[in-house]
Amino acid sequence: MLGAMHNRRLSFCCARCDKRVTPPSVRFLGRRVYYGAVVVLACLRELTGQRVIALEQLLGVDRRTLRRWRRWWSEEFVQSPWWSVAKARFSPTLDHGRLPGSLLERFAAAPAPALVALLRFLSPITTRSA
């Protein structure tokens, strides 16, 4: 899609402790190898049979991966310690059943495009080192 230079995630070696540190990213969500934007956009609607087939063909993503992403939004993400704090920024509360769509809607008025603003907001969860 974006070329070879965008296929890898940057990480750095600390000069003091020699540990590997991965900075927050707007490119990838956590340890996922797909772009964060793809994970967000593919999960905006319910995964019906036709939609799964279309996404498989368009993105080359297996149906199990798509279901795993949906499960991540509805289970792991909403139960994460980060989200338990971050969700307080939204009033009225977000509809967890519609994530990530309900979250993306809240960034519609952001100075940056909504998807970019959402990925920036999510960047702290993209690494364990942050």
Protein backbone atom coordinates (compact mmCIF):
# COMPACT_ATOMS: atom_id res chain seq x y z
CA MET A 1 0.00 0.00 0.00
CA LEU A 2 2.40 2.68 1.22
CA GLY A 3 5.68 1.09 0.21
CA ALA A 4 8.38 -0.92 1.92
CA MET A 5 9.53 1.86 4.25
CA HIS A 6 6.10 1.81 5.95
CA ASN A 7 6.00 -1.95 6.60
CA ARG A 8 8.17 -1.85 9.71
CA ARG A 9 7.61 -0.37 13.10
CA LEU A 10 10.41 1.71 14.55
CA SER A 11 11.93 0.84 17.88
CA PHE A 12 15.03 2.17 19.54
CA CYS A 13 17.75 0.86 21.79
CA CYS A 14 18.24 2.82 25.01
CA ALA A 15 21.79 4.17 25.36
CA ARG A 16 21.70 3.83 29.15
CA CYS A 17 20.12 0.44 29.80
CA ASP A 18 20.43 -1.19 26.35
CA LYS A 19 16.72 -2.12 26.40
CA ARG A 20 14.56 -1.92 23.32
CA VAL A 21 11.95 0.86 23.46
CA THR A 22 9.07 1.17 21.04
CA PRO A 23 7.56 4.65 20.78
CA PRO A 24 3.81 5.24 20.48
CA SER A 25 2.56 4.93 16.91
CA VAL A 26 -0.24 6.25 14.76
CA ARG A 27 0.65 3.66 12.14
CA PHE A 28 0.06 0.39 14.03
CA LEU A 29 -2.31 -0.53 16.87
CA GLY A 30 -0.38 -2.47 19.47
CA ARG A 31 1.28 -5.62 18.21
CA ARG A 32 -0.96 -5.86 15.16
CA VAL A 33 0.87 -6.02 11.86
CA TYR A 34 -1.90 -4.20 10.00
CA TYR A 35 -2.16 -0.45 9.89
CA GLY A 36 -4.23 1.05 12.71
CA ALA A 37 -6.41 2.85 10.19
CA VAL A 38 -7.29 -0.50 8.60
CA VAL A 39 -8.17 -2.03 11.99
CA VAL A 40 -10.41 0.96 12.78
CA LEU A 41 -12.12 1.22 9.39
CA ALA A 42 -12.66 -2.52 8.96
CA CYS A 43 -14.47 -2.63 12.31
CA LEU A 44 -16.82 0.31 11.83
CA ARG A 45 -19.77 -1.90 10.94
CA GLU A 46 -20.99 -5.33 11.92
CA LEU A 47 -19.19 -8.18 10.18
CA THR A 48 -21.88 -9.75 8.03
CA GLY A 49 -21.05 -12.56 5.61
CA GLN A 50 -20.92 -10.25 2.59
CA ARG A 51 -18.84 -7.67 4.42
CA VAL A 52 -16.32 -10.28 5.58
CA ILE A 53 -15.92 -11.55 2.01
CA ALA A 54 -15.47 -8.00 0.69
CA LEU A 55 -12.88 -7.13 3.37
CA GLU A 56 -11.02 -10.39 2.78
CA GLN A 57 -10.74 -9.59 -0.91
CA LEU A 58 -9.99 -5.89 -0.50
CA LEU A 59 -7.48 -6.11 2.34
CA GLY A 60 -6.25 -9.68 2.17
CA VAL A 61 -7.31 -10.15 5.80
CA ASP A 62 -8.54 -13.53 6.98
CA ARG A 63 -12.05 -13.68 8.48
CA ARG A 64 -10.60 -14.95 11.78
CA THR A 65 -8.42 -11.85 11.95
CA LEU A 66 -11.42 -9.60 11.30
CA ARG A 67 -13.37 -11.33 14.08
CA ARG A 68 -10.37 -11.04 16.39
CA TRP A 69 -10.24 -7.28 15.74
CA ARG A 70 -13.96 -6.92 16.52
CA ARG A 71 -13.52 -8.95 19.68
CA TRP A 72 -10.57 -6.74 20.67
CA TRP A 73 -12.71 -3.60 20.41
CA SER A 74 -15.66 -5.10 22.30
CA GLU A 75 -13.74 -6.99 25.00
CA GLU A 76 -10.05 -6.23 25.47
CA PHE A 77 -10.12 -2.54 24.59
CA VAL A 78 -13.11 -1.65 26.79
CA GLN A 79 -11.65 -3.58 29.73
CA SER A 80 -8.16 -2.13 29.46
CA PRO A 81 -6.84 0.08 32.28
CA TRP A 82 -6.00 2.76 29.71
CA TRP A 83 -9.61 2.92 28.47
CA SER A 84 -11.04 3.01 31.99
CA VAL A 85 -9.25 6.36 32.42
CA ALA A 86 -9.49 7.67 28.84
CA LYS A 87 -13.24 7.17 28.47
CA ALA A 88 -13.85 9.85 31.11
CA ARG A 89 -12.92 12.43 28.45
CA PHE A 90 -16.18 11.76 26.62
CA SER A 91 -19.53 13.10 27.69
CA PRO A 92 -22.05 11.75 27.07
CA THR A 93 -20.52 8.31 27.38
CA LEU A 94 -19.67 6.36 24.25
CA ASP A 95 -21.69 3.41 23.02
CA HIS A 96 -19.28 0.52 23.61
CA GLY A 97 -21.33 -1.70 21.31
CA ARG A 98 -20.49 0.60 18.38
CA LEU A 99 -16.74 0.91 18.91
CA PRO A 100 -14.70 2.07 17.10
CA GLY A 101 -17.45 3.97 15.23
CA SER A 102 -18.78 5.81 18.29
CA LEU A 103 -15.22 6.86 19.12
CA LEU A 104 -14.46 8.01 15.58
CA GLU A 105 -17.62 10.16 15.57
CA ARG A 106 -16.34 12.11 18.59
CA PHE A 107 -13.25 13.17 16.65
CA ALA A 108 -15.26 14.53 13.70
CA ALA A 109 -14.77 18.11 14.92
CA ALA A 110 -11.03 17.73 15.58
CA PRO A 111 -8.62 20.07 13.76
CA ALA A 112 -7.05 17.05 12.04
CA PRO A 113 -9.13 14.57 10.03
CA ALA A 114 -11.19 12.39 12.40
CA LEU A 115 -9.27 9.19 11.68
CA VAL A 116 -5.89 10.86 12.27
CA ALA A 117 -7.15 12.43 15.52
CA LEU A 118 -8.46 9.05 16.67
CA LEU A 119 -5.16 7.32 15.90
CA ARG A 120 -3.28 10.02 17.82
CA PHE A 121 -5.64 9.54 20.76
CA LEU A 122 -5.03 5.76 20.67
CA SER A 123 -1.24 6.06 20.31
CA PRO A 124 -0.51 5.41 24.03
CA ILE A 125 -1.94 1.90 23.71
CA THR A 126 0.28 1.04 20.77
CA THR A 127 3.28 0.21 22.91
CA ARG A 128 4.10 -1.20 26.31
CA SER A 129 7.09 1.08 26.66
CA ALA A 130 5.11 4.33 26.78
